[in-house]
């Protein structure tokens, strides 16, 4: 087991707009593939009119379980760039779901790759990252890890929703 690993600080949604298409990235900490699939299903249910609900997740302290889906986008243009952002940021036990509302302008393969990657990257910046470290000698399970908040916008750890194209950021509650 790793002595340290990173995950998102909490659940949140971040929205960007690129050439009239809206990309809503939902991030959530999860500990199993079943929990990740539940988050994905919940996002599909929350936004049934959207064209695509692409996702990526990385599970386990060592990041061994990795999955992604383009959900109807051209192969390799959505799920793979999303997964690459999670890998590059060294995040694990994290699911990202990007819901796309088509704005009428075709972005092309390169544009889609950049848009999906940017949506996840900005969402991670907004939601924040939490670091877990082993406290000392122990059995090697997660109960022996201490959490340390690496970054969070205001430290409240409440669900976060932001809209990048309008410069509005609000916390419900």
C-alpha atoms as a PDB file:
ATOM      1  CA  UNK A   1       0.000   0.000   0.000  1.00  0.00           C
ATOM      2  CA  UNK A   2       1.154   3.515  -0.752  1.00  0.00           C
ATOM      3  CA  UNK A   3       2.300   5.713   2.138  1.00  0.00           C
ATOM      4  CA  UNK A   4       0.337   8.601   0.642  1.00  0.00           C
ATOM      5  CA  UNK A   5      -2.337   9.194  -1.953  1.00  0.00           C
ATOM      6  CA  UNK A   6      -4.455  12.078  -3.228  1.00  0.00           C
ATOM      7  CA  UNK A   7      -8.188  12.317  -3.857  1.00  0.00           C
ATOM      8  CA  UNK A   8     -10.648  15.155  -4.405  1.00  0.00           C
ATOM      9  CA  UNK A   9     -11.546  17.078  -1.249  1.00  0.00           C
ATOM     10  CA  UNK A  10     -15.265  16.621  -1.763  1.00  0.00           C
ATOM     11  CA  UNK A  11     -18.121  16.509  -4.211  1.00  0.00           C
ATOM     12  CA  UNK A  12     -18.519  19.377  -6.644  1.00  0.00           C
ATOM     13  CA  UNK A  13     -19.618  20.494 -10.100  1.00  0.00           C
ATOM     14  CA  UNK A  14     -17.782  22.950 -12.324  1.00  0.00           C
ATOM     15  CA  UNK A  15     -19.081  24.257 -15.642  1.00  0.00           C
ATOM     16  CA  UNK A  16     -17.208  25.667 -18.610  1.00  0.00           C
ATOM     17  CA  UNK A  17     -18.511  26.867 -21.954  1.00  0.00           C
ATOM     18  CA  UNK A  18     -16.552  26.379 -25.158  1.00  0.00           C
ATOM     19  CA  UNK A  19     -17.971  27.569 -28.478  1.00  0.00           C
ATOM     20  CA  UNK A  20     -21.527  27.469 -27.113  1.00  0.00           C
ATOM     21  CA  UNK A  21     -21.196  23.881 -25.816  1.00  0.00           C
ATOM     22  CA  UNK A  22     -21.576  23.504 -22.047  1.00  0.00           C
ATOM     23  CA  UNK A  23     -19.348  21.043 -20.187  1.00  0.00           C
ATOM     24  CA  UNK A  24     -20.387  20.278 -16.583  1.00  0.00           C
ATOM     25  CA  UNK A  25     -17.751  18.293 -14.702  1.00  0.00           C
ATOM     26  CA  UNK A  26     -18.892  16.538 -11.546  1.00  0.00           C
ATOM     27  CA  UNK A  27     -16.182  15.195  -9.241  1.00  0.00           C
ATOM     28  CA  UNK A  28     -16.658  12.925  -6.261  1.00  0.00           C
ATOM     29  CA  UNK A  29     -14.500  10.853  -3.930  1.00  0.00           C
ATOM     30  CA  UNK A  30     -15.382   7.129  -4.170  1.00  0.00           C
ATOM     31  CA  UNK A  31     -13.918   3.947  -2.732  1.00  0.00           C
ATOM     32  CA  UNK A  32     -15.313   1.296  -5.087  1.00  0.00           C
ATOM     33  CA  UNK A  33     -16.270   0.756  -8.706  1.00  0.00           C
ATOM     34  CA  UNK A  34     -19.885   0.339  -7.606  1.00  0.00           C
ATOM     35  CA  UNK A  35     -19.832   3.759  -5.907  1.00  0.00           C
ATOM     36  CA  UNK A  36     -18.271   5.310  -9.027  1.00  0.00           C
ATOM     37  CA  UNK A  37     -20.998   3.803 -11.223  1.00  0.00           C
ATOM     38  CA  UNK A  38     -23.651   5.168  -8.838  1.00  0.00           C
ATOM     39  CA  UNK A  39     -22.218   8.693  -9.231  1.00  0.00           C
ATOM     40  CA  UNK A  40     -22.225   8.266 -13.033  1.00  0.00           C
ATOM     41  CA  UNK A  41     -25.858   7.051 -12.998  1.00  0.00           C
ATOM     42  CA  UNK A  42     -26.879   9.951 -10.749  1.00  0.00           C
ATOM     43  CA  UNK A  43     -25.346  12.484 -13.163  1.00  0.00           C
ATOM     44  CA  UNK A  44     -27.159  10.893 -16.109  1.00  0.00           C
ATOM     45  CA  UNK A  45     -30.415  11.081 -14.170  1.00  0.00           C
ATOM     46  CA  UNK A  46     -29.761  14.711 -13.121  1.00  0.00           C
ATOM     47  CA  UNK A  47     -29.148  15.852 -16.730  1.00  0.00           C
ATOM     48  CA  UNK A  48     -31.233  13.569 -18.985  1.00  0.00           C
ATOM     49  CA  UNK A  49     -31.375  16.079 -21.867  1.00  0.00           C
ATOM     50  CA  UNK A  50     -27.594  16.203 -22.279  1.00  0.00           C
ATOM     51  CA  UNK A  51     -26.048  14.502 -25.301  1.00  0.00           C
ATOM     52  CA  UNK A  52     -23.071  12.907 -23.554  1.00  0.00           C
ATOM     53  CA  UNK A  53     -22.124  11.821 -20.025  1.00  0.00           C
ATOM     54  CA  UNK A  54     -18.465  10.845 -20.374  1.00  0.00           C
ATOM     55  CA  UNK A  55     -16.610   9.578 -17.339  1.00  0.00           C
ATOM     56  CA  UNK A  56     -13.291   8.470 -15.904  1.00  0.00           C
ATOM     57  CA  UNK A  57     -12.326   7.078 -12.540  1.00  0.00           C
ATOM     58  CA  UNK A  58      -9.244   5.846 -10.714  1.00  0.00           C
ATOM     59  CA  UNK A  59      -9.549   3.599  -7.655  1.00  0.00           C
ATOM     60  CA  UNK A  60      -7.246   2.181  -4.997  1.00  0.00           C
ATOM     61  CA  UNK A  61      -4.371   3.824  -3.168  1.00  0.00           C
ATOM     62  CA  UNK A  62      -2.058   2.561  -5.915  1.00  0.00           C
ATOM     63  CA  UNK A  63      -4.430   3.668  -8.718  1.00  0.00           C
ATOM     64  CA  UNK A  64      -4.613   0.172 -10.156  1.00  0.00           C
ATOM     65  CA  UNK A  65      -8.261   0.315 -11.249  1.00  0.00           C
ATOM     66  CA  UNK A  66      -8.787   2.837 -14.057  1.00  0.00           C
ATOM     67  CA  UNK A  67     -11.815   3.131 -16.338  1.00  0.00           C
ATOM     68  CA  UNK A  68     -13.115   5.678 -18.836  1.00  0.00           C
ATOM     69  CA  UNK A  69     -15.933   6.073 -21.370  1.00  0.00           C
ATOM     70  CA  UNK A  70     -16.448   8.390 -24.344  1.00  0.00           C
ATOM     71  CA  UNK A  71     -20.256   7.838 -24.208  1.00  0.00           C
ATOM     72  CA  UNK A  72     -20.861   8.424 -27.912  1.00  0.00           C
ATOM     73  CA  UNK A  73     -18.134  10.997 -28.532  1.00  0.00           C
ATOM     74  CA  UNK A  74     -15.501   9.982 -31.119  1.00  0.00           C
ATOM     75  CA  UNK A  75     -13.171   7.310 -29.702  1.00  0.00           C
ATOM     76  CA  UNK A  76     -10.442   8.688 -27.438  1.00  0.00           C
ATOM     77  CA  UNK A  77     -11.739  12.274 -27.367  1.00  0.00           C
ATOM     78  CA  UNK A  78     -13.449  12.364 -23.965  1.00  0.00           C
ATOM     79  CA  UNK A  79     -12.824   9.557 -21.470  1.00  0.00           C
ATOM     80  CA  UNK A  80      -9.122   9.187 -22.205  1.00  0.00           C
ATOM     81  CA  UNK A  81      -8.258  12.900 -21.760  1.00  0.00           C
ATOM     82  CA  UNK A  82     -10.325  12.955 -18.562  1.00  0.00           C
ATOM     83  CA  UNK A  83      -8.459   9.907 -17.231  1.00  0.00           C
ATOM     84  CA  UNK A  84      -5.130  11.509 -18.166  1.00  0.00           C
ATOM     85  CA  UNK A  85      -5.943  14.560 -16.025  1.00  0.00           C
ATOM     86  CA  UNK A  86      -6.683  12.311 -13.030  1.00  0.00           C
ATOM     87  CA  UNK A  87      -3.435  10.388 -13.609  1.00  0.00           C
ATOM     88  CA  UNK A  88      -1.330  13.523 -14.141  1.00  0.00           C
ATOM     89  CA  UNK A  89      -2.713  15.010 -10.901  1.00  0.00           C
ATOM     90  CA  UNK A  90      -1.999  11.655  -9.166  1.00  0.00           C
ATOM     91  CA  UNK A  91      -5.622  11.432  -7.984  1.00  0.00           C
ATOM     92  CA  UNK A  92      -7.160   8.155  -6.919  1.00  0.00           C
ATOM     93  CA  UNK A  93     -10.477   7.096  -5.396  1.00  0.00           C
ATOM     94  CA  UNK A  94     -11.966   9.773  -7.643  1.00  0.00           C
ATOM     95  CA  UNK A  95     -14.684   9.769 -10.300  1.00  0.00           C
ATOM     96  CA  UNK A  96     -15.153  12.524 -12.901  1.00  0.00           C
ATOM     97  CA  UNK A  97     -18.302  12.774 -15.018  1.00  0.00           C
ATOM     98  CA  UNK A  98     -18.482  15.424 -17.731  1.00  0.00           C
ATOM     99  CA  UNK A  99     -21.942  16.148 -19.077  1.00  0.00           C
ATOM    100  CA  UNK A 100     -21.936  17.896 -22.441  1.00  0.00           C
ATOM    101  CA  UNK A 101     -24.732  20.001 -23.864  1.00  0.00           C
ATOM    102  CA  UNK A 102     -24.016  20.475 -27.580  1.00  0.00           C
ATOM    103  CA  UNK A 103     -23.992  24.134 -28.596  1.00  0.00           C
ATOM    104  CA  UNK A 104     -24.317  23.728 -32.359  1.00  0.00           C
ATOM    105  CA  UNK A 105     -20.638  24.187 -33.228  1.00  0.00           C
ATOM    106  CA  UNK A 106     -18.511  21.123 -34.026  1.00  0.00           C
ATOM    107  CA  UNK A 107     -15.294  21.201 -32.000  1.00  0.00           C
ATOM    108  CA  UNK A 108     -13.359  18.507 -33.883  1.00  0.00           C
ATOM    109  CA  UNK A 109     -11.316  15.765 -32.233  1.00  0.00           C
ATOM    110  CA  UNK A 110      -8.615  18.120 -30.924  1.00  0.00           C
ATOM    111  CA  UNK A 111     -11.195  20.557 -29.582  1.00  0.00           C
ATOM    112  CA  UNK A 112     -13.052  17.787 -27.756  1.00  0.00           C
ATOM    113  CA  UNK A 113      -9.841  16.453 -26.223  1.00  0.00           C
ATOM    114  CA  UNK A 114      -8.907  19.915 -24.953  1.00  0.00           C
ATOM    115  CA  UNK A 115     -12.444  20.688 -23.723  1.00  0.00           C
ATOM    116  CA  UNK A 116     -12.929  17.478 -21.727  1.00  0.00           C
ATOM    117  CA  UNK A 117      -9.436  17.701 -20.242  1.00  0.00           C
ATOM    118  CA  UNK A 118      -9.921  21.370 -19.347  1.00  0.00           C
ATOM    119  CA  UNK A 119     -13.298  20.676 -17.709  1.00  0.00           C
ATOM    120  CA  UNK A 120     -11.779  18.061 -15.385  1.00  0.00           C
ATOM    121  CA  UNK A 121      -8.628  20.071 -14.683  1.00  0.00           C
ATOM    122  CA  UNK A 122     -10.564  23.211 -13.725  1.00  0.00           C
ATOM    123  CA  UNK A 123     -13.005  21.189 -11.617  1.00  0.00           C
ATOM    124  CA  UNK A 124     -10.115  19.675  -9.641  1.00  0.00           C
ATOM    125  CA  UNK A 125      -8.745  23.184  -9.057  1.00  0.00           C
ATOM    126  CA  UNK A 126     -12.146  24.383  -7.824  1.00  0.00           C
ATOM    127  CA  UNK A 127     -13.062  21.388  -5.643  1.00  0.00           C
ATOM    128  CA  UNK A 128      -9.598  20.925  -4.141  1.00  0.00           C
ATOM    129  CA  UNK A 129      -7.453  17.944  -3.265  1.00  0.00           C
ATOM    130  CA  UNK A 130      -7.095  15.955  -0.050  1.00  0.00           C
ATOM    131  CA  UNK A 131      -3.948  14.009   0.801  1.00  0.00           C
ATOM    132  CA  UNK A 132      -3.986  10.835   2.892  1.00  0.00           C
ATOM    133  CA  UNK A 133      -0.814   9.651   4.641  1.00  0.00           C
ATOM    134  CA  UNK A 134      -0.011   6.598   6.701  1.00  0.00           C
ATOM    135  CA  UNK A 135       0.176   7.576  10.392  1.00  0.00           C
ATOM    136  CA  UNK A 136       2.802   5.056  11.370  1.00  0.00           C
ATOM    137  CA  UNK A 137       3.316   1.341  11.681  1.00  0.00           C
ATOM    138  CA  UNK A 138       0.062  -0.506  11.260  1.00  0.00           C
ATOM    139  CA  UNK A 139      -1.887  -3.107   9.403  1.00  0.00           C
ATOM    140  CA  UNK A 140      -1.686  -1.295   6.066  1.00  0.00           C
ATOM    141  CA  UNK A 141      -5.367  -0.600   5.623  1.00  0.00           C
ATOM    142  CA  UNK A 142      -7.133   2.712   5.057  1.00  0.00           C
ATOM    143  CA  UNK A 143      -8.083   3.063   8.729  1.00  0.00           C
ATOM    144  CA  UNK A 144      -4.412   3.753   9.446  1.00  0.00           C
ATOM    145  CA  UNK A 145      -4.305   6.809   7.174  1.00  0.00           C
ATOM    146  CA  UNK A 146      -4.655  10.410   8.289  1.00  0.00           C
ATOM    147  CA  UNK A 147      -6.283  12.984   6.030  1.00  0.00           C
ATOM    148  CA  UNK A 148      -4.631  16.269   5.213  1.00  0.00           C
ATOM    149  CA  UNK A 149      -6.374  18.902   3.129  1.00  0.00           C
ATOM    150  CA  UNK A 150      -4.017  19.993   0.378  1.00  0.00           C
ATOM    151  CA  UNK A 151      -6.261  22.676  -1.097  1.00  0.00           C
ATOM    152  CA  UNK A 152      -9.847  23.843  -0.822  1.00  0.00           C
ATOM    153  CA  UNK A 153     -11.208  27.240  -1.790  1.00  0.00           C
ATOM    154  CA  UNK A 154     -12.724  28.117   1.571  1.00  0.00           C
ATOM    155  CA  UNK A 155     -12.177  25.052   3.724  1.00  0.00           C
ATOM    156  CA  UNK A 156     -15.871  24.278   4.162  1.00  0.00           C
ATOM    157  CA  UNK A 157     -15.846  20.941   2.249  1.00  0.00           C
ATOM    158  CA  UNK A 158     -19.473  21.520   1.187  1.00  0.00           C
ATOM    159  CA  UNK A 159     -20.569  20.564  -2.353  1.00  0.00           C
ATOM    160  CA  UNK A 160     -19.331  23.210  -4.737  1.00  0.00           C
ATOM    161  CA  UNK A 161     -20.813  24.425  -8.017  1.00  0.00           C
ATOM    162  CA  UNK A 162     -19.195  27.017 -10.226  1.00  0.00           C
ATOM    163  CA  UNK A 163     -19.815  28.513 -13.632  1.00  0.00           C
ATOM    164  CA  UNK A 164     -16.568  29.473 -15.324  1.00  0.00           C
ATOM    165  CA  UNK A 165     -17.999  31.237 -18.367  1.00  0.00           C
ATOM    166  CA  UNK A 166     -19.793  33.806 -16.207  1.00  0.00           C
ATOM    167  CA  UNK A 167     -17.247  34.112 -13.452  1.00  0.00           C
ATOM    168  CA  UNK A 168     -19.843  33.099 -10.852  1.00  0.00           C
ATOM    169  CA  UNK A 169     -18.947  30.701  -8.061  1.00  0.00           C
ATOM    170  CA  UNK A 170     -21.449  29.787  -5.363  1.00  0.00           C
ATOM    171  CA  UNK A 171     -21.674  27.295  -2.537  1.00  0.00           C
ATOM    172  CA  UNK A 172     -25.159  26.033  -1.784  1.00  0.00           C
ATOM    173  CA  UNK A 173     -26.363  26.158   1.818  1.00  0.00           C
END
